[in-house]
Protein backbone atom coordinates (compact mmCIF):
# COMPACT_ATOMS: atom_id res chain seq x y z
CA UNK A 1 -1.02 101.14 28.58
CA UNK A 2 1.68 98.10 27.91
CA UNK A 3 2.15 95.63 30.56
CA UNK A 4 5.55 96.63 32.41
CA UNK A 5 6.79 93.36 33.05
CA UNK A 6 10.22 94.99 34.24
CA UNK A 7 8.30 96.91 37.10
CA UNK A 8 6.40 93.63 37.81
CA UNK A 9 9.56 91.65 38.30
CA UNK A 10 11.16 93.89 40.64
CA UNK A 11 8.29 92.96 42.98
CA UNK A 12 9.54 89.38 43.11
CA UNK A 13 12.76 88.86 45.17
CA UNK A 14 13.60 85.24 44.13
CA UNK A 15 13.97 86.26 40.51
CA UNK A 16 17.01 88.07 41.53
CA UNK A 17 18.73 84.68 41.74
CA UNK A 18 18.70 84.39 38.03
CA UNK A 19 16.46 81.21 37.26
CA UNK A 20 13.92 81.31 34.37
CA UNK A 21 10.90 80.21 36.07
CA UNK A 22 8.59 78.00 33.59
CA UNK A 23 7.03 76.05 36.34
CA UNK A 24 4.31 78.61 37.48
CA UNK A 25 1.67 75.70 37.00
CA UNK A 26 3.41 73.94 39.94
CA UNK A 27 3.74 77.02 41.98
CA UNK A 28 4.77 80.76 41.43
CA UNK A 29 7.43 82.86 43.01
CA UNK A 30 6.27 84.81 46.15
CA UNK A 31 5.63 88.64 45.72
CA UNK A 32 7.66 90.93 48.02
CA UNK A 33 4.31 92.23 49.56
CA UNK A 34 3.33 88.68 50.64
CA UNK A 35 6.80 87.97 52.06
CA UNK A 36 6.55 91.35 54.11
CA UNK A 37 3.00 90.73 55.20
CA UNK A 38 3.63 87.21 56.62
CA UNK A 39 6.80 88.50 58.15
CA UNK A 40 5.27 91.56 59.74
CA UNK A 41 2.40 89.25 61.23
CA UNK A 42 4.98 86.88 62.82
CA UNK A 43 6.80 89.90 64.37
CA UNK A 44 3.62 91.09 65.85
CA UNK A 45 2.03 89.76 68.93
CA UNK A 46 -0.76 87.20 68.11
CA UNK A 47 -3.05 85.09 70.14
CA UNK A 48 -5.56 82.46 68.84
CA UNK A 49 -8.99 83.94 67.92
CA UNK A 50 -10.45 85.89 70.73
CA UNK A 51 -12.27 89.08 71.33
CA UNK A 52 -10.95 89.59 74.89
CA UNK A 53 -7.43 90.95 74.07
CA UNK A 54 -5.87 92.81 71.18
CA UNK A 55 -3.62 89.95 69.88
CA UNK A 56 -6.62 87.61 69.64
CA UNK A 57 -8.55 90.29 67.86
CA UNK A 58 -5.71 90.59 65.36
CA UNK A 59 -6.01 86.98 64.56
CA UNK A 60 -9.75 87.38 63.67
CA UNK A 61 -8.73 90.29 61.63
CA UNK A 62 -6.34 88.40 59.55
CA UNK A 63 -8.93 85.57 58.99
CA UNK A 64 -11.48 88.28 58.07
CA UNK A 65 -9.03 89.79 55.72
CA UNK A 66 -8.07 86.73 53.90
CA UNK A 67 -11.77 85.75 53.21
CA UNK A 68 -12.40 89.45 51.92
CA UNK A 69 -9.65 89.19 49.60
CA UNK A 70 -10.36 85.82 48.07
CA UNK A 71 -14.06 87.10 47.56
CA UNK A 72 -12.55 89.88 45.61
CA UNK A 73 -10.37 87.81 43.66
CA UNK A 74 -13.35 85.46 42.56
CA UNK A 75 -16.36 87.62 42.75
CA UNK A 76 -17.70 85.67 45.83
CA UNK A 77 -19.17 86.31 49.28
CA UNK A 78 -16.33 86.65 52.14
CA UNK A 79 -18.89 84.58 54.21
CA UNK A 80 -18.74 81.72 51.74
CA UNK A 81 -14.93 81.52 51.80
CA UNK A 82 -13.57 78.47 53.44
CA UNK A 83 -9.83 78.42 54.11
CA UNK A 84 -7.52 75.44 54.08
CA UNK A 85 -4.10 74.19 53.88
CA UNK A 86 -4.56 72.87 50.01
CA UNK A 87 -7.05 72.39 47.21
CA UNK A 88 -6.57 68.66 47.60
CA UNK A 89 -7.46 68.75 51.50
CA UNK A 90 -10.49 70.99 50.90
CA UNK A 91 -11.79 68.95 48.11
CA UNK A 92 -11.67 65.93 50.20
CA UNK A 93 -13.40 67.60 53.10
CA UNK A 94 -16.19 68.38 50.77
CA UNK A 95 -16.35 64.97 48.94
CA UNK A 96 -16.61 63.19 52.25
CA UNK A 97 -19.36 65.58 53.60
CA UNK A 98 -21.40 65.37 50.30
CA UNK A 99 -20.71 61.66 49.81
CA UNK A 100 -22.20 60.93 53.14
CA UNK A 101 -25.58 61.83 51.64
CA UNK A 102 -25.12 59.66 48.48
CA UNK A 103 -26.81 56.39 47.82
CA UNK A 104 -26.46 53.45 45.45
CA UNK A 105 -27.79 54.54 42.10
CA UNK A 106 -26.59 58.08 42.51
CA UNK A 107 -24.06 59.44 40.00
CA UNK A 108 -21.17 61.66 39.82
CA UNK A 109 -19.37 62.92 36.60
CA UNK A 110 -15.67 63.55 36.54
CA UNK A 111 -13.29 64.23 33.54
CA UNK A 112 -10.06 62.56 32.44
CA UNK A 113 -8.59 66.08 31.82
CA UNK A 114 -8.54 67.20 35.40
CA UNK A 115 -5.97 67.02 38.03
CA UNK A 116 -6.38 64.06 40.32
CA UNK A 117 -7.44 66.29 43.16
CA UNK A 118 -10.64 67.01 41.47
CA UNK A 119 -11.12 63.38 40.41
CA UNK A 120 -10.05 61.05 43.19
CA UNK A 121 -11.93 62.38 46.21
CA UNK A 122 -15.19 62.29 44.23
CA UNK A 123 -14.26 58.87 42.97
CA UNK A 124 -13.57 57.57 46.36
CA UNK A 125 -16.71 59.23 47.89
CA UNK A 126 -18.88 57.58 45.25
CA UNK A 127 -17.39 54.29 45.68
CA UNK A 128 -17.69 54.36 49.48
CA UNK A 129 -21.54 55.26 48.89
CA UNK A 130 -22.14 52.74 46.28
CA UNK A 131 -22.68 55.46 43.91
CA UNK A 132 -21.64 55.47 39.94
CA UNK A 133 -18.60 57.32 38.55
CA UNK A 134 -19.19 58.53 34.92
CA UNK A 135 -16.40 59.74 32.78
CA UNK A 136 -16.11 62.74 30.41
CA UNK A 137 -13.54 62.30 27.75
CA UNK A 138 -11.04 64.73 26.27
CA UNK A 139 -10.20 64.78 22.48
CA UNK A 140 -6.73 62.96 22.25
CA UNK A 141 -5.59 65.22 19.39
CA UNK A 142 -6.91 68.72 20.39
CA UNK A 143 -7.05 68.09 24.16
CA UNK A 144 -10.53 69.72 24.14
CA UNK A 145 -13.13 68.72 26.65
CA UNK A 146 -16.41 68.60 24.43
CA UNK A 147 -19.16 70.28 26.58
CA UNK A 148 -21.81 68.60 24.35
CA UNK A 149 -20.99 65.14 25.90
CA UNK A 150 -22.47 66.21 29.27
CA UNK A 151 -25.92 66.12 27.78
CA UNK A 152 -25.52 62.17 27.65
CA UNK A 153 -23.36 61.90 30.90
CA UNK A 154 -25.64 63.99 33.25
CA UNK A 155 -28.75 62.45 34.30
CA UNK A 156 -31.55 62.77 36.81
CA UNK A 157 -29.28 60.75 39.37
CA UNK A 158 -26.45 63.07 38.88
CA UNK A 159 -25.42 64.52 42.17
CA UNK A 160 -22.36 66.21 41.26
CA UNK A 161 -20.20 67.29 38.29
CA UNK A 162 -16.47 68.03 38.85
CA UNK A 163 -14.60 69.90 36.06
CA UNK A 164 -11.47 71.97 35.72
CA UNK A 165 -11.64 75.33 34.37
CA UNK A 166 -7.94 74.95 32.97
CA UNK A 167 -5.99 71.74 32.72
CA UNK A 168 -2.78 72.03 34.61
CA UNK A 169 -1.03 69.45 31.85
CA UNK A 170 -2.09 70.96 28.63
CA UNK A 171 -3.88 74.35 29.47
CA UNK A 172 -7.25 73.57 28.07
CA UNK A 173 -9.97 75.86 29.25
CA UNK A 174 -12.99 73.99 28.89
CA UNK A 175 -16.66 75.81 28.46
CA UNK A 176 -17.30 75.47 32.13
CA UNK A 177 -20.52 77.65 31.89
CA UNK A 178 -21.93 75.41 29.14
CA UNK A 179 -21.16 72.37 31.14
CA UNK A 180 -22.85 73.87 34.41
CA UNK A 181 -25.82 74.77 32.55
CA UNK A 182 -26.26 71.09 31.52
CA UNK A 183 -25.48 70.10 35.08
CA UNK A 184 -28.00 72.46 36.77
CA UNK A 185 -30.96 71.56 34.40
CA UNK A 186 -30.53 68.16 35.99
CA UNK A 187 -30.29 69.35 39.54
CA UNK A 188 -26.63 68.56 39.88
CA UNK A 189 -23.90 70.67 41.66
CA UNK A 190 -20.78 71.86 39.80
CA UNK A 191 -17.64 71.95 41.62
CA UNK A 192 -15.11 73.75 39.45
CA UNK A 193 -11.13 73.30 40.01
CA UNK A 194 -9.83 76.81 39.48
CA UNK A 195 -6.44 76.22 40.56
CA UNK A 196 -4.78 76.54 37.29
CA UNK A 197 -7.22 79.08 35.72
CA UNK A 198 -7.60 81.91 38.43
CA UNK A 199 -3.85 82.86 38.14
CA UNK A 200 -4.29 83.54 34.59
CA UNK A 201 -7.27 86.02 33.99
CA UNK A 202 -10.29 87.56 35.73
CA UNK A 203 -12.44 84.94 37.53
CA UNK A 204 -16.13 85.30 38.24
CA UNK A 205 -17.94 82.74 40.28
CA UNK A 206 -21.43 83.46 38.92
CA UNK A 207 -20.36 83.50 35.22
CA UNK A 208 -18.75 80.19 35.35
CA UNK A 209 -21.81 78.71 36.75
CA UNK A 210 -19.80 77.22 39.55
CA UNK A 211 -21.66 76.09 42.83
CA UNK A 212 -18.23 75.51 44.24
CA UNK A 213 -14.76 76.74 43.22
CA UNK A 214 -11.37 75.89 44.78
CA UNK A 215 -8.25 77.84 44.17
CA UNK A 216 -4.65 77.95 45.76
CA UNK A 217 -2.73 81.08 46.73
CA UNK A 218 0.64 79.71 45.79
CA UNK A 219 -0.38 79.67 42.25
CA UNK A 220 -0.98 83.37 42.27
CA UNK A 221 1.92 84.90 44.26
CA UNK A 222 0.77 83.90 47.66
CA UNK A 223 1.69 81.38 50.38
CA UNK A 224 0.96 77.76 50.37
CA UNK A 225 -2.85 77.93 51.42
CA UNK A 226 -6.05 77.42 49.48
CA UNK A 227 -9.78 78.44 49.45
CA UNK A 228 -12.94 76.83 48.55
CA UNK A 229 -15.84 79.54 47.70
CA UNK A 230 -19.53 78.93 47.34
CA UNK A 231 -22.88 80.56 48.56
CA UNK A 232 -22.93 80.95 52.30
CA UNK A 233 -26.56 79.59 52.41
CA UNK A 234 -25.43 76.35 50.35
CA UNK A 235 -22.57 75.86 53.16
CA UNK A 236 -25.24 75.98 55.65
CA UNK A 237 -27.04 73.02 54.46
CA UNK A 238 -23.94 70.83 55.00
CA UNK A 239 -22.69 69.26 58.28
CA UNK A 240 -19.11 68.01 57.90
CA UNK A 241 -17.63 65.80 60.48
CA UNK A 242 -15.80 68.05 63.10
CA UNK A 243 -14.71 68.16 66.76
CA UNK A 244 -17.61 69.02 69.14
CA UNK A 245 -16.22 72.29 70.75
CA UNK A 246 -15.05 73.68 67.47
CA UNK A 247 -16.91 76.51 65.85
CA UNK A 248 -20.20 75.47 64.29
CA UNK A 249 -20.98 78.52 62.10
CA UNK A 250 -20.28 79.07 58.26
CA UNK A 251 -17.85 78.84 57.14
CA UNK A 252 -15.79 78.14 60.26
CA UNK A 253 -17.24 74.54 60.63
CA UNK A 254 -15.41 73.40 57.49
CA UNK A 255 -11.92 74.70 58.70
CA UNK A 256 -9.98 72.02 60.92
CA UNK A 257 -7.83 73.21 63.63
CA UNK A 258 -6.01 76.53 64.24
CA UNK A 259 -4.91 78.23 60.96
CA UNK A 260 -1.53 79.79 60.29
CA UNK A 261 -2.50 83.54 60.82
CA UNK A 262 0.65 85.01 59.26
CA UNK A 263 0.19 83.00 56.01
CA UNK A 264 -3.56 84.30 55.99
CA UNK A 265 -1.83 87.84 56.12
CA UNK A 266 -0.02 86.59 52.80
CA UNK A 267 -3.24 85.62 51.12
CA UNK A 268 -4.61 89.04 51.39
CA UNK A 269 -1.33 90.76 50.33
CA UNK A 270 -1.27 88.42 47.31
CA UNK A 271 -4.57 89.65 46.14
CA UNK A 272 -3.28 93.27 46.80
CA UNK A 273 -0.47 92.31 44.49
CA UNK A 274 -2.78 91.28 41.76
CA UNK A 275 -4.63 94.42 42.21
CA UNK A 276 -1.82 96.37 41.61
CA UNK A 277 -0.58 94.72 38.31
CA UNK A 278 -2.31 97.58 36.42
CA UNK A 279 -0.98 100.79 37.97
CA UNK A 280 -3.74 102.79 35.91
CA UNK A 281 -6.58 100.64 37.35
CA UNK A 282 -9.02 102.29 39.68
CA UNK A 283 -12.10 101.46 41.62
CA UNK A 284 -12.53 99.04 44.50
CA UNK A 285 -10.20 96.06 44.96
CA UNK A 286 -12.28 93.73 43.04
CA UNK A 287 -12.31 96.08 39.98
CA UNK A 288 -8.52 96.53 40.36
CA UNK A 289 -8.00 92.67 40.39
CA UNK A 290 -10.18 92.32 37.26
CA UNK A 291 -8.01 94.97 35.63
CA UNK A 292 -4.72 93.71 36.84
CA UNK A 293 -5.34 89.98 35.80
CA UNK A 294 -6.71 91.40 32.31
CA UNK A 295 -3.55 93.20 31.69
CA UNK A 296 -1.53 90.14 32.90
CA UNK A 297 -3.40 87.68 30.75
CA UNK A 298 -2.71 89.80 27.65
CA UNK A 299 1.13 89.93 28.47
CA UNK A 300 0.83 86.07 29.31
CA UNK A 301 -0.80 85.34 25.84
CA UNK A 302 1.85 87.17 23.87
CA UNK A 303 4.72 85.38 25.87
CA UNK A 304 2.96 81.94 25.57
CA UNK A 305 2.34 82.37 21.87
CA UNK A 306 6.01 82.90 21.10
CA UNK A 307 6.89 79.61 23.24
CA UNK A 308 4.06 77.57 21.63
CA UNK A 309 5.26 78.79 18.05
CA UNK A 310 8.78 77.94 18.72
CA UNK A 311 8.05 74.52 20.18
CA UNK A 312 5.61 73.31 17.48
CA UNK A 313 8.10 74.61 14.59
CA UNK A 314 10.77 72.22 15.93
CA UNK A 315 10.54 68.98 14.17
CA UNK A 316 12.05 67.04 17.13
CA UNK A 317 9.40 68.32 19.49
CA UNK A 318 6.12 66.67 20.10
CA UNK A 319 3.45 69.03 21.51
CA UNK A 320 0.57 67.55 23.20
CA UNK A 321 -2.87 69.11 22.58
CA UNK A 322 -3.91 72.19 20.62
CA UNK A 323 -6.99 73.51 22.51
CA UNK A 324 -8.65 76.63 21.14
CA UNK A 325 -9.02 78.08 24.55
CA UNK A 326 -6.07 77.66 26.96
CA UNK A 327 -4.09 78.84 30.06
CA UNK A 328 -0.36 79.46 28.99
CA UNK A 329 0.63 75.88 29.64
CA UNK A 330 2.16 73.14 27.37
CA UNK A 331 3.31 69.70 27.63
CA UNK A 332 5.90 68.30 25.24
CA UNK A 333 8.73 65.89 24.69
CA UNK A 334 11.99 65.69 22.93
CA UNK A 335 12.55 62.83 20.33
CA UNK A 336 14.32 60.20 21.96
CA UNK A 337 14.74 61.66 25.36
CA UNK A 338 12.98 60.85 28.70
CA UNK A 339 11.17 63.70 29.99
CA UNK A 340 12.89 63.63 33.32
CA UNK A 341 16.26 63.87 31.25
CA UNK A 342 15.04 67.03 29.30
CA UNK A 343 13.95 68.59 32.54
CA UNK A 344 17.31 67.99 34.42
CA UNK A 345 19.34 69.20 31.45
CA UNK A 346 17.40 72.33 31.22
CA UNK A 347 17.38 72.71 35.06
CA UNK A 348 21.22 72.64 35.04
CA UNK A 349 21.27 75.62 32.71
CA UNK A 350 18.84 77.43 34.93
CA UNK A 351 15.48 76.82 33.60
CA UNK A 352 12.75 75.66 35.74
CA UNK A 353 10.23 73.35 34.17
CA UNK A 354 8.42 70.32 35.41
CA UNK A 355 8.39 66.52 34.27
CA UNK A 356 5.93 63.57 34.72
CA UNK A 357 2.35 63.58 35.23
CA UNK A 358 2.06 66.56 37.32
CA UNK A 359 -0.93 64.75 39.07
CA UNK A 360 -2.93 64.85 35.73
CA UNK A 361 -3.12 61.17 36.04
CA UNK A 362 -6.00 60.25 34.04
CA UNK A 363 -4.93 62.55 31.14
CA UNK A 364 -1.34 60.96 30.84
CA UNK A 365 -2.99 57.21 31.41
CA UNK A 366 -5.50 57.95 28.54
CA UNK A 367 -2.46 59.39 26.40
CA UNK A 368 -0.35 56.28 27.03
CA UNK A 369 2.32 58.34 28.37
CA UNK A 370 2.37 57.99 32.09
CA UNK A 371 4.34 54.61 32.31
CA UNK A 372 7.11 56.20 29.91
CA UNK A 373 7.58 59.24 32.14
CA UNK A 374 4.78 61.68 31.02
CA UNK A 375 6.01 64.92 29.52
CA UNK A 376 7.76 68.13 30.15
CA UNK A 377 5.67 71.09 31.11
CA UNK A 378 6.34 74.74 30.61
CA UNK A 379 3.98 77.29 31.98
CA UNK A 380 4.02 81.15 31.62
CA UNK A 381 3.42 83.58 34.43
CA UNK A 382 3.16 87.36 34.35
CA UNK A 383 6.83 87.73 35.40
CA UNK A 384 7.90 85.68 32.40
CA UNK A 385 9.49 87.44 29.26
CA UNK A 386 9.85 87.10 25.55
CA UNK A 387 13.72 87.10 26.08
CA UNK A 388 13.35 84.26 28.67
CA UNK A 389 11.36 82.27 25.96
CA UNK A 390 14.17 82.80 23.41
CA UNK A 391 16.84 81.62 25.66
CA UNK A 392 14.67 78.60 26.67
CA UNK A 393 14.08 77.58 23.07
CA UNK A 394 17.86 77.81 22.37
CA UNK A 395 18.58 75.66 25.16
CA UNK A 396 16.20 73.17 24.06
CA UNK A 397 17.88 73.22 20.74
CA UNK A 398 21.12 72.47 22.51
CA UNK A 399 19.83 69.75 24.54
CA UNK A 400 18.32 68.22 21.60
CA UNK A 401 21.66 68.31 19.83
CA UNK A 402 23.50 66.76 22.79
CA UNK A 403 20.93 63.91 22.58
CA UNK A 404 21.45 63.27 19.09
CA UNK A 405 25.30 63.47 19.36
CA UNK A 406 25.01 60.74 22.08
CA UNK A 407 22.74 58.55 19.90
CA UNK A 408 25.12 58.73 16.97
C-alpha cells in the first residue's frame, strides 16, 4: 500500500497555516492526537503521584504509559525508560553520574560528527575526572564516520564511546552496530544519540548494540520531553546525585522533580500516532510502530531523493557531505550568500529551514564553516511532499537570482 501522505497531513493541525516545514530536524509539528491527549490530561483532575486517591493514581498511570510507549518505540524495557526535559539534560545527568567513577588514565571516545549534546557532557565529565578524551573523525568529503577507526581509538582504558545514530547536520547514519561491537570487546559502554535517527525509521536498541540511547519526543510529533533508555539492571548499578526523600528506585531516581503529567500523556499519544502511520499494520503497538515507521521511511526517502537531486544539480549550490546511509537531512549553501540570509529569504516565502551550526559544533568547526555562518539545513519528515520540494527548489532559484542581481 502506498503511503497516504494526504491522510497523514490531515493529522497535523499546524499544517493548515500553509508553511512548508523543512525543519523537522529542529522539531516537528505536533500530531492532533498528541494535542488532544495533553489537553484532556489538563482538563482532568490530577494530583501528584499517589495511590491514595484517584487523581494521584492517574498521574502514576500517565508516567507508566509514557514509559511503555517509549519502550515500544525503541524495543526497550519500560522499567529502563528514564524520562526528562531534554536529551541534553538527560545526557548531562548520566555523564555526571558515570564521570564520578572515572579516574586519570581512563578514556572516553566522542565524535566530531555528533550534536554537541553527545559531546560536551562527556568531554566535561572526563576533564573533571582527569580522564582523556579521544576523537573519532569524519571524512570531510563524504561526511562518513568510518567505523574502522574505532579499533585504534578504543583501548582497555576506554570507559565509554558516545556516537550518533544520525547526524543532525548532514544526515550521516554511521554503522553504530560495528562501532558498538568494537567498544564492547574492550569492555566500554556505548551511548547512542538517537534524537535524529529515531523519527526516520524503526529502531531496535539491541540491534544497534546501544547500552544507552536517548531520544526526544518533539522530533517525532510529540511534546518537548525526552527519554533515555537502558537495561534496568544496568541503571540499578548507578547512583546519581539526588534529593534524599525523592524516589530511590529505578528508573525514578534519575528523574528530578515532578514531571509534566499532561506532556507525558502526549508522549504516549505520539507513539500511538506513529503506530497508525500504516493503517494496514496489525499486531501489538511495537509491531505497528515498526510498520508505520518503515512506511514513513520509504516515503521520506523518495521525497528527500527529489530534494537532494535538485540541490546537487544546481551549480550555485554547495551540498555538504554525501554519506551512503543517511537520515533525510542535508546542509547546503548558496554561492555568495550568508546562510542566515538564505534562510530568512526562504522564510519570507513560507519555507521553514534552519541556518547556522544547529549545535553540530565540531562538524562545522572541522569544516571551517562555523565562523562564516554554518550552512542552511533542509530536513524531510513524513508529512512533507514532492510538491513542497518542487516549490522549495523553485524558491531557491529565485533567491539565488535575486542575489546575483544584487551583486551585479
